[in-house]
Protein backbone atom coordinates (compact mmCIF):
# COMPACT_ATOMS: atom_id res chain seq x y z
CA UNK A 1 89.56 102.62 92.19
CA UNK A 2 86.91 105.31 92.56
CA UNK A 3 84.32 102.71 93.55
CA UNK A 4 86.66 101.34 96.19
CA UNK A 5 87.19 104.79 97.68
CA UNK A 6 83.47 105.63 97.64
CA UNK A 7 82.66 102.31 99.30
CA UNK A 8 85.43 102.78 101.85
CA UNK A 9 84.33 106.33 102.68
CA UNK A 10 80.71 105.26 103.11
CA UNK A 11 81.68 102.41 105.46
CA UNK A 12 83.91 104.72 107.46
CA UNK A 13 81.07 107.19 107.84
CA UNK A 14 78.64 104.60 109.16
CA UNK A 15 81.26 103.25 111.55
CA UNK A 16 81.71 106.71 112.99
CA UNK A 17 79.66 107.26 116.13
CA UNK A 18 79.78 111.00 115.50
CA UNK A 19 78.23 110.58 112.04
CA UNK A 20 75.47 108.31 113.38
CA UNK A 21 74.75 110.88 116.07
CA UNK A 22 74.69 113.55 113.39
CA UNK A 23 72.09 111.62 111.39
CA UNK A 24 69.97 111.23 114.50
CA UNK A 25 70.21 114.96 115.10
CA UNK A 26 69.09 115.63 111.53
CA UNK A 27 66.17 113.22 111.91
CA UNK A 28 65.20 114.76 115.26
CA UNK A 29 65.38 118.30 113.86
CA UNK A 30 63.23 117.39 110.86
CA UNK A 31 60.70 115.59 113.06
CA UNK A 32 60.39 118.51 115.46
CA UNK A 33 60.26 121.02 112.58
CA UNK A 34 57.51 119.02 110.86
CA UNK A 35 55.50 118.94 114.09
CA UNK A 36 56.07 122.67 114.65
CA UNK A 37 55.08 123.56 111.09
CA UNK A 38 51.96 121.39 111.26
CA UNK A 39 51.04 122.94 114.60
CA UNK A 40 51.31 126.43 113.12
CA UNK A 41 49.09 125.52 110.16
CA UNK A 42 46.60 123.77 112.46
CA UNK A 43 46.33 126.90 114.60
CA UNK A 44 45.46 128.94 111.55
CA UNK A 45 42.92 126.39 110.36
CA UNK A 46 41.33 126.23 113.80
CA UNK A 47 41.27 130.02 114.02
CA UNK A 48 39.66 130.27 110.58
CA UNK A 49 37.04 127.64 111.44
CA UNK A 50 36.21 129.37 114.72
CA UNK A 51 35.89 132.80 113.07
CA UNK A 52 33.78 131.44 110.22
CA UNK A 53 31.53 129.50 112.62
CA UNK A 54 31.07 132.58 114.82
CA UNK A 55 30.04 134.89 111.96
CA UNK A 56 27.90 132.22 110.31
CA UNK A 57 26.23 131.67 113.66
CA UNK A 58 25.37 135.35 113.98
CA UNK A 59 23.87 135.44 110.50
CA UNK A 60 22.17 132.12 111.19
CA UNK A 61 20.48 133.66 114.24
CA UNK A 62 19.34 136.62 112.15
CA UNK A 63 17.96 134.28 109.50
CA UNK A 64 16.14 132.24 112.13
CA UNK A 65 14.54 135.47 113.37
CA UNK A 66 13.35 136.31 109.84
CA UNK A 67 11.93 132.80 109.43
CA UNK A 68 10.00 133.18 112.64
CA UNK A 69 8.84 136.65 111.58
CA UNK A 70 7.79 135.38 108.15
CA UNK A 71 5.75 132.61 109.75
CA UNK A 72 4.16 135.14 112.10
CA UNK A 73 3.22 137.45 109.18
CA UNK A 74 1.77 134.50 107.25
CA UNK A 75 -0.28 133.43 110.29
CA UNK A 76 -1.54 136.85 111.36
CA UNK A 77 -1.69 138.52 107.98
CA UNK A 78 -0.05 141.78 107.13
CA UNK A 79 3.05 142.95 105.30
CA UNK A 80 6.60 141.67 105.64
CA UNK A 81 8.35 144.90 106.63
CA UNK A 82 11.83 146.42 106.71
CA UNK A 83 13.18 146.99 110.22
CA UNK A 84 14.74 150.25 111.33
CA UNK A 85 18.17 149.91 112.89
CA UNK A 86 17.94 149.67 116.67
CA UNK A 87 20.62 149.59 119.34
CA UNK A 88 18.58 147.18 121.45
CA UNK A 89 15.90 144.60 120.65
CA UNK A 90 12.45 146.12 120.48
CA UNK A 91 9.08 145.87 118.89
CA UNK A 92 8.68 145.52 115.17
CA UNK A 93 10.39 143.41 112.53
CA UNK A 94 13.62 141.69 113.54
CA UNK A 95 16.95 143.31 112.69
CA UNK A 96 17.67 140.46 110.31
CA UNK A 97 15.33 142.04 107.78
CA UNK A 98 17.56 145.12 107.56
CA UNK A 99 20.35 144.52 105.03
CA UNK A 100 22.35 147.42 106.44
CA UNK A 101 22.35 145.90 109.92
CA UNK A 102 23.32 142.45 108.65
CA UNK A 103 26.07 143.81 106.42
CA UNK A 104 27.43 146.17 109.08
CA UNK A 105 27.44 143.87 112.09
CA UNK A 106 28.56 140.59 110.52
CA UNK A 107 31.54 139.70 108.35
CA UNK A 108 32.36 137.06 105.80
CA UNK A 109 35.68 135.34 106.49
CA UNK A 110 37.66 134.46 103.39
CA UNK A 111 40.21 131.68 103.57
CA UNK A 112 43.34 131.06 101.50
CA UNK A 113 43.68 127.27 101.45
CA UNK A 114 47.13 125.91 102.38
CA UNK A 115 49.02 123.91 99.81
CA UNK A 116 50.04 120.32 100.47
CA UNK A 117 53.49 121.50 101.57
CA UNK A 118 52.40 124.44 103.73
CA UNK A 119 53.79 122.91 106.99
CA UNK A 120 57.24 122.62 105.37
CA UNK A 121 57.75 126.40 105.20
CA UNK A 122 55.62 128.70 107.31
CA UNK A 123 57.04 131.78 105.58
CA UNK A 124 55.11 134.87 106.63
CA UNK A 125 51.85 133.06 107.30
CA UNK A 126 52.43 133.42 111.05
CA UNK A 127 52.16 137.22 110.76
CA UNK A 128 49.88 137.38 107.71
CA UNK A 129 46.78 135.36 108.50
CA UNK A 130 45.43 133.10 105.79
CA UNK A 131 41.87 134.11 106.67
CA UNK A 132 40.55 137.68 106.59
CA UNK A 133 37.19 139.31 107.37
CA UNK A 134 35.22 141.08 104.64
CA UNK A 135 32.37 143.38 105.59
CA UNK A 136 31.00 146.80 104.73
CA UNK A 137 33.86 148.34 106.72
CA UNK A 138 36.75 150.06 104.87
CA UNK A 139 39.40 147.99 103.11
CA UNK A 140 41.98 148.43 105.84
CA UNK A 141 39.86 146.30 108.20
CA UNK A 142 40.58 143.29 106.00
CA UNK A 143 44.20 143.17 107.15
CA UNK A 144 43.89 144.97 110.48
CA UNK A 145 45.02 141.86 112.38
CA UNK A 146 48.10 141.36 110.21
CA UNK A 147 51.57 142.67 111.03
CA UNK A 148 52.84 145.04 108.35
CA UNK A 149 55.96 146.28 110.11
CA UNK A 150 58.51 143.76 108.78
CA UNK A 151 57.50 142.01 105.57
CA UNK A 152 61.13 141.13 104.74
CA UNK A 153 61.46 138.79 107.68
CA UNK A 154 64.00 136.28 106.36
CA UNK A 155 65.84 135.62 109.57
CA UNK A 156 63.19 134.82 112.16
CA UNK A 157 59.98 132.93 112.34
CA UNK A 158 58.71 129.48 113.12
CA UNK A 159 60.98 126.49 113.48
CA UNK A 160 59.94 124.60 110.36
CA UNK A 161 61.60 122.26 107.89
CA UNK A 162 62.72 125.23 105.80
CA UNK A 163 64.63 126.49 108.86
CA UNK A 164 66.32 123.10 109.23
CA UNK A 165 67.32 123.05 105.56
CA UNK A 166 68.56 126.65 105.39
CA UNK A 167 70.27 127.00 108.75
CA UNK A 168 71.10 123.56 110.12
CA UNK A 169 71.73 121.39 107.06
CA UNK A 170 74.83 123.42 106.04
CA UNK A 171 76.26 122.93 109.52
CA UNK A 172 75.77 119.16 109.28
CA UNK A 173 77.40 119.15 105.83
CA UNK A 174 80.38 121.21 106.96
CA UNK A 175 80.82 118.97 110.01
CA UNK A 176 81.45 115.90 107.82
CA UNK A 177 83.40 117.56 105.03
CA UNK A 178 85.61 120.27 106.49
CA UNK A 179 88.66 117.94 106.52
CA UNK A 180 88.25 116.06 103.24
CA UNK A 181 91.89 116.48 102.19
CA UNK A 182 93.44 118.16 105.20
CA UNK A 183 92.98 115.10 107.43
CA UNK A 184 94.66 112.83 104.87
CA UNK A 185 97.45 115.33 104.47
CA UNK A 186 97.97 115.70 108.22
CA UNK A 187 98.13 111.93 108.68
CA UNK A 188 100.59 111.62 105.81
CA UNK A 189 98.33 109.23 103.88
CA UNK A 190 97.45 111.53 100.99
CA UNK A 191 100.69 110.87 99.09
CA UNK A 192 100.26 107.12 99.62
CA UNK A 193 96.72 107.19 98.21
CA UNK A 194 97.83 109.16 95.17
CA UNK A 195 100.52 106.56 94.49
CA UNK A 196 97.65 104.40 93.26
CA UNK A 197 96.07 104.98 89.81
CA UNK A 198 93.79 107.81 90.89
CA UNK A 199 94.10 111.57 90.47
CA UNK A 200 93.58 114.15 93.17
CA UNK A 201 90.38 115.33 91.49
CA UNK A 202 89.01 111.79 91.38
CA UNK A 203 89.90 111.31 95.03
CA UNK A 204 88.11 114.51 96.02
CA UNK A 205 85.10 113.67 93.86
CA UNK A 206 84.89 110.18 95.38
CA UNK A 207 84.97 111.54 98.92
CA UNK A 208 82.26 114.11 98.12
CA UNK A 209 80.07 111.53 96.36
CA UNK A 210 80.25 109.19 99.36
CA UNK A 211 79.35 111.87 101.89
CA UNK A 212 76.77 113.66 99.76
CA UNK A 213 75.14 110.40 98.69
CA UNK A 214 74.68 109.18 102.25
CA UNK A 215 73.48 112.49 103.66
CA UNK A 216 71.18 113.40 100.78
CA UNK A 217 69.66 109.92 100.73
CA UNK A 218 68.83 110.43 104.39
CA UNK A 219 67.37 113.87 103.65
CA UNK A 220 65.22 112.40 100.86
CA UNK A 221 63.89 109.66 103.13
CA UNK A 222 63.17 112.15 105.90
CA UNK A 223 61.46 114.45 103.42
CA UNK A 224 59.15 111.70 102.19
CA UNK A 225 58.35 110.65 105.76
CA UNK A 226 57.60 114.27 106.67
CA UNK A 227 55.37 114.66 103.62
CA UNK A 228 53.41 111.54 104.50
CA UNK A 229 53.17 112.65 108.13
CA UNK A 230 52.18 116.32 107.83
CA UNK A 231 51.55 116.91 104.13
CA UNK A 232 48.03 117.28 102.78
CA UNK A 233 46.31 116.76 99.46
CA UNK A 234 48.58 113.80 98.74
CA UNK A 235 46.17 112.67 96.07
CA UNK A 236 46.86 115.79 94.00
CA UNK A 237 49.61 116.04 91.40
CA UNK A 238 50.24 119.62 92.59
CA UNK A 239 51.49 118.38 95.97
CA UNK A 240 53.95 115.93 94.46
CA UNK A 241 55.12 118.49 91.91
CA UNK A 242 55.83 120.93 94.73
CA UNK A 243 57.62 118.22 96.70
CA UNK A 244 59.81 117.43 93.69
CA UNK A 245 60.73 121.10 93.40
CA UNK A 246 61.42 121.21 97.13
CA UNK A 247 63.86 118.31 96.90
CA UNK A 248 65.51 119.79 93.79
CA UNK A 249 66.09 123.08 95.62
CA UNK A 250 67.40 121.22 98.68
CA UNK A 251 69.77 119.22 96.48
CA UNK A 252 71.21 122.38 94.90
CA UNK A 253 71.59 124.04 98.28
CA UNK A 254 73.27 121.02 99.88
CA UNK A 255 75.65 120.52 96.96
CA UNK A 256 76.64 124.18 97.19
CA UNK A 257 77.83 123.67 100.76
CA UNK A 258 79.69 120.52 99.81
CA UNK A 259 81.37 122.54 97.05
CA UNK A 260 82.29 125.21 99.61
CA UNK A 261 83.95 122.50 101.70
CA UNK A 262 86.00 121.43 98.68
CA UNK A 263 86.95 125.05 97.99
CA UNK A 264 88.14 125.63 101.54
CA UNK A 265 90.01 122.31 101.59
CA UNK A 266 91.86 123.24 98.41
CA UNK A 267 92.89 126.69 99.65
CA UNK A 268 93.03 125.91 103.36
CA UNK A 269 96.05 125.01 105.46
CA UNK A 270 94.86 122.52 108.06
CA UNK A 271 91.65 121.07 109.46
CA UNK A 272 91.31 123.66 112.21
CA UNK A 273 91.72 126.52 109.75
CA UNK A 274 89.24 124.88 107.39
CA UNK A 275 86.65 124.60 110.16
CA UNK A 276 87.05 128.26 111.11
CA UNK A 277 86.88 129.40 107.49
CA UNK A 278 83.73 127.35 106.80
CA UNK A 279 82.07 128.56 110.00
CA UNK A 280 82.77 132.14 108.96
CA UNK A 281 81.41 131.45 105.48
CA UNK A 282 78.21 130.01 106.92
CA UNK A 283 77.82 132.98 109.26
CA UNK A 284 78.33 135.47 106.44
CA UNK A 285 76.11 133.86 103.81
CA UNK A 286 73.30 132.59 106.06
CA UNK A 287 73.13 135.23 108.78
CA UNK A 288 75.00 138.45 108.01
CA UNK A 289 74.18 139.00 104.33
CA UNK A 290 70.40 138.32 104.67
CA UNK A 291 70.29 140.68 107.64
CA UNK A 292 72.06 143.41 105.67
CA UNK A 293 69.71 142.94 102.72
CA UNK A 294 66.72 143.22 105.05
CA UNK A 295 68.14 146.39 106.60
CA UNK A 296 68.82 147.83 103.16
CA UNK A 297 65.24 147.13 102.05
CA UNK A 298 63.67 148.70 105.14
CA UNK A 299 66.05 151.70 104.93
CA UNK A 300 65.52 152.51 101.27
CA UNK A 301 61.79 151.78 101.44
CA UNK A 302 60.74 152.45 105.06
CA UNK A 303 58.13 150.03 106.28
CA UNK A 304 54.64 151.51 106.65
CA UNK A 305 53.36 152.12 110.12
CA UNK A 306 50.08 150.70 111.33
CA UNK A 307 49.73 153.83 113.45
CA UNK A 308 49.68 156.04 110.35
CA UNK A 309 46.81 154.02 108.91
CA UNK A 310 44.89 154.19 112.18
CA UNK A 311 45.50 157.92 112.53
CA UNK A 312 44.38 158.59 108.95
CA UNK A 313 41.22 156.55 109.50
CA UNK A 314 40.39 158.43 112.70
CA UNK A 315 40.98 161.79 111.04
CA UNK A 316 38.70 160.79 108.18
CA UNK A 317 36.06 159.60 110.64
CA UNK A 318 36.25 162.83 112.67
CA UNK A 319 35.90 164.90 109.53
CA UNK A 320 33.03 162.75 108.30
CA UNK A 321 31.17 163.09 111.60
CA UNK A 322 31.63 166.86 111.69
CA UNK A 323 30.31 167.29 108.16
CA UNK A 324 27.95 164.35 108.04
CA UNK A 325 25.39 166.02 105.78
CA UNK A 326 28.04 166.71 103.15
CA UNK A 327 29.27 163.13 103.44
CA UNK A 328 25.71 161.88 103.24
CA UNK A 329 25.13 163.89 100.07
CA UNK A 330 28.37 162.53 98.61
CA UNK A 331 27.28 159.02 99.51
CA UNK A 332 23.91 159.41 97.84
CA UNK A 333 25.65 160.97 94.84
CA UNK A 334 27.37 157.60 94.38
CA UNK A 335 23.92 155.94 94.54
CA UNK A 336 21.69 158.44 92.75
CA UNK A 337 19.06 155.87 91.92
CA UNK A 338 18.33 155.31 95.62
CA UNK A 339 18.09 158.92 96.85
CA UNK A 340 14.97 159.28 99.06
CA UNK A 341 12.72 162.32 98.96
CA UNK A 342 12.64 165.14 101.45
CA UNK A 343 14.52 164.89 104.74
CA UNK A 344 14.02 161.16 105.04
CA UNK A 345 17.61 160.50 104.02
CA UNK A 346 18.96 162.12 107.20
CA UNK A 347 16.66 160.28 109.59
CA UNK A 348 18.41 156.91 109.68
CA UNK A 349 21.66 156.91 111.65
CA UNK A 350 22.69 153.72 109.87
CA UNK A 351 22.68 155.54 106.54
CA UNK A 352 24.89 158.22 108.07
CA UNK A 353 27.22 155.54 109.44
CA UNK A 354 27.46 153.94 106.01
CA UNK A 355 28.20 157.34 104.49
CA UNK A 356 30.95 157.86 107.07
CA UNK A 357 32.49 154.50 106.24
CA UNK A 358 32.37 155.39 102.57
CA UNK A 359 34.22 158.63 103.31
CA UNK A 360 36.82 156.81 105.39
CA UNK A 361 37.36 154.30 102.58
CA UNK A 362 37.97 157.09 100.07
CA UNK A 363 40.38 158.85 102.41
CA UNK A 364 42.34 155.83 103.57
CA UNK A 365 42.47 153.62 100.48
CA UNK A 366 45.09 155.72 98.62
CA UNK A 367 47.27 155.69 101.73
CA UNK A 368 46.80 151.97 102.10
CA UNK A 369 47.69 151.42 98.44
CA UNK A 370 50.82 153.49 98.97
CA UNK A 371 51.79 151.31 101.91
CA UNK A 372 51.26 148.19 99.86
CA UNK A 373 53.43 149.68 97.15
CA UNK A 374 56.20 150.19 99.72
CA UNK A 375 55.96 146.56 100.76
CA UNK A 376 56.19 145.49 97.13
CA UNK A 377 59.29 147.63 96.67
CA UNK A 378 60.90 145.96 99.66
CA UNK A 379 60.11 142.52 98.28
CA UNK A 380 61.42 143.57 94.87
CA UNK A 381 64.72 144.72 96.37
CA UNK A 382 65.14 141.42 98.19
CA UNK A 383 64.44 139.62 94.92
CA UNK A 384 67.20 141.60 93.21
CA UNK A 385 69.76 141.03 95.96
CA UNK A 386 68.95 137.38 96.57
CA UNK A 387 71.79 136.22 94.32
CA UNK A 388 74.47 137.27 96.80
CA UNK A 389 73.25 134.77 99.38
CA UNK A 390 72.14 131.18 98.81
CA UNK A 391 70.14 131.42 102.05
CA UNK A 392 67.96 134.22 100.66
CA UNK A 393 67.46 132.36 97.39
CA UNK A 394 66.58 129.20 99.29
CA UNK A 395 64.12 130.97 101.59
CA UNK A 396 62.35 132.63 98.69
CA UNK A 397 62.27 129.34 96.76
CA UNK A 398 60.94 127.25 99.65
CA UNK A 399 58.27 129.83 100.50
CA UNK A 400 57.20 129.88 96.87
CA UNK A 401 57.10 126.09 96.63
CA UNK A 402 55.17 125.76 99.88
CA UNK A 403 52.62 128.40 98.90
CA UNK A 404 53.52 130.79 101.72
CA UNK A 405 55.21 133.46 99.62
CA UNK A 406 54.33 137.15 99.72
CA UNK A 407 53.23 137.00 96.07
CA UNK A 408 50.64 134.28 96.71
CA UNK A 409 49.34 136.16 99.73
CA UNK A 410 48.99 139.36 97.71
CA UNK A 411 47.12 137.35 95.07
CA UNK A 412 44.73 136.24 97.81
CA UNK A 413 44.29 139.78 99.19
CA UNK A 414 43.49 141.17 95.74
CA UNK A 415 40.68 138.65 95.48
CA UNK A 416 39.52 139.64 98.97
CA UNK A 417 39.44 143.32 97.99
CA UNK A 418 37.37 142.52 94.90
CA UNK A 419 34.99 140.38 96.93
CA UNK A 420 34.56 143.16 99.48
CA UNK A 421 33.08 145.36 96.75
CA UNK A 422 30.66 142.60 95.74
CA UNK A 423 29.72 141.85 99.37
CA UNK A 424 29.20 145.50 100.30
CA UNK A 425 27.19 146.23 97.15
CA UNK A 426 24.81 143.36 97.89
CA UNK A 427 23.78 144.80 101.24
CA UNK A 428 24.04 148.46 100.23
CA UNK A 429 21.58 148.14 97.36
CA UNK A 430 18.98 146.29 99.44
CA UNK A 431 19.41 148.72 102.31
CA UNK A 432 18.99 151.83 100.18
CA UNK A 433 15.98 150.27 98.45
CA UNK A 434 14.58 149.55 101.91
CA UNK A 435 13.94 146.04 100.65
CA UNK A 436 13.49 143.71 103.66
CA UNK A 437 15.70 140.65 103.76
CA UNK A 438 13.72 137.42 103.62
CA UNK A 439 15.01 134.00 104.72
CA UNK A 440 15.64 132.98 101.13
CA UNK A 441 17.79 136.10 100.59
CA UNK A 442 20.35 134.67 103.00
CA UNK A 443 20.91 131.87 100.50
CA UNK A 444 21.80 134.48 97.87
CA UNK A 445 24.68 136.05 99.80
CA UNK A 446 27.81 136.38 97.63
CA UNK A 447 30.06 133.32 97.90
CA UNK A 448 33.85 133.40 97.75
CA UNK A 449 36.02 130.78 96.12
CA UNK A 450 39.77 131.26 96.08
CA UNK A 451 41.23 131.08 92.58
CA UNK A 452 44.67 129.53 92.70
CA UNK A 453 47.42 130.96 90.54
CA UNK A 454 48.43 128.90 87.50
CA UNK A 455 51.33 126.63 88.39
CA UNK A 456 53.26 128.13 85.48
CA UNK A 457 53.16 131.50 87.29
CA UNK A 458 54.65 129.90 90.39
CA UNK A 459 57.39 128.31 88.31
CA UNK A 460 58.24 131.62 86.66
CA UNK A 461 58.76 133.22 90.08
CA UNK A 462 60.77 130.20 91.21
CA UNK A 463 63.15 130.06 88.23
CA UNK A 464 65.42 133.01 89.24
CA UNK A 465 66.14 131.53 92.67
CA UNK A 466 66.84 128.03 91.32
CA UNK A 467 69.00 129.36 88.49
CA UNK A 468 70.88 131.58 90.91
CA UNK A 469 71.69 128.62 93.16
CA UNK A 470 72.73 126.57 90.12
CA UNK A 471 75.14 129.32 88.99
CA UNK A 472 76.63 129.61 92.49
CA UNK A 473 76.99 125.84 92.67
CA UNK A 474 78.70 125.68 89.28
CA UNK A 475 81.20 128.36 90.28
CA UNK A 476 81.84 126.75 93.67
CA UNK A 477 82.60 123.43 91.91
CA UNK A 478 84.74 124.66 89.02
CA UNK A 479 87.07 126.92 90.99
CA UNK A 480 88.41 124.29 93.45
CA UNK A 481 88.60 121.47 90.90
CA UNK A 482 90.65 123.69 88.58
CA UNK A 483 92.86 124.61 91.52
CA UNK A 484 93.52 120.98 92.52
CA UNK A 485 96.30 120.69 89.92
CA UNK A 486 98.43 123.05 92.05
CA UNK A 487 97.47 121.52 95.42
CA UNK A 488 100.48 120.72 97.61
CA UNK A 489 100.15 117.06 98.51
CA UNK A 490 102.95 116.73 101.04
CA UNK A 491 103.78 119.07 103.90
CA UNK A 492 107.25 120.62 103.85
């Protein structure tokens, strides 16, 4: 009997013009979201390539100048010399021989590679660039182009597949399941169906299986098509493992909303009331609660202001410029082995500028670390309150699976901060030694290679969200199916 009902429900769905239109809407939304997500990732990749090419081109020009100078020295005889920093081209060795000039005027762009599923969930990558500049400038310049004002942005952003799953998929599910029992009851056919050898629970389960099977099969097909269309690194097991987790999370989320439809049908009065109740539930769990959690996070742990960082940096710079000799002495104290004799140390404005930057770094870095701590506290609060909203859990899970989570970005920034020390030290040592850069020295510049987190670490961060959705789903299923024994079949 259950097979007959499932088959009947599936045929009825496909015969319905409204359901076919609904499937087309789902397919169209996924297609547009996939294109939008891919476009966002492509913009970042293009921006990274352009920035890298520009800085490499500047260093390439400096290296070409040193090659020409080296050839000139070899032809004419003489000594390969260290150039003094100049504001304009002039006589003497080219500026490319001065490590301080090269390190101060050019940057090394570091890139966090996107995962194979990056276009599926943009996350915060539209406001936190996946490529950052590293130079001899203070740490804050690494993220100066990022937006720090709202790191708990769960409600806005790019139209990607994650948006379709979190916001639109529940609406599609509720549209085909809000009247599971109420329509039969209103037509007077529910009592006739139950006269056959089938219980009310079996009837409800059969109806849900038919609808969920059809819709989720369509979602799976669309997901695979989207992966083949906009996914990358399809030859890697990591991509397919992430896609499997993505589909598992989507399955839990979709089944939760089917369970909510059953719950409302069991306790509801009629189809109209069911529709209103489910619409209110969607609004509360997907829109209102995440917004309140975001407001709570930003209220308890106020978001840092970019203006405060800028003001602190300017104050440090003003102080450094007014007491430049003291800052210069402090700078040389950090590099005792390179202290020149006599008054020579105060003759090079570039040394003074480097000392000023060092002072700014020392003044601003604690403030910057405090700001980052505030952001981490906000993220931690959202993590704790995620269990009251399946939308928050789903957003966190999909960002984590797609590699666009705040934790992965912080992992990338920590590597960037460490590399900045290595990059700055390379040029600082050669500059203070007054060792001229030769063409072959450009081949020895520090190289950066992003170290991906172990997949086990990603899974550990993902487990709370998936378990939370599983618990919500279990409760949403058990409550209505236990209640079905007292469901009033006939209207009075």
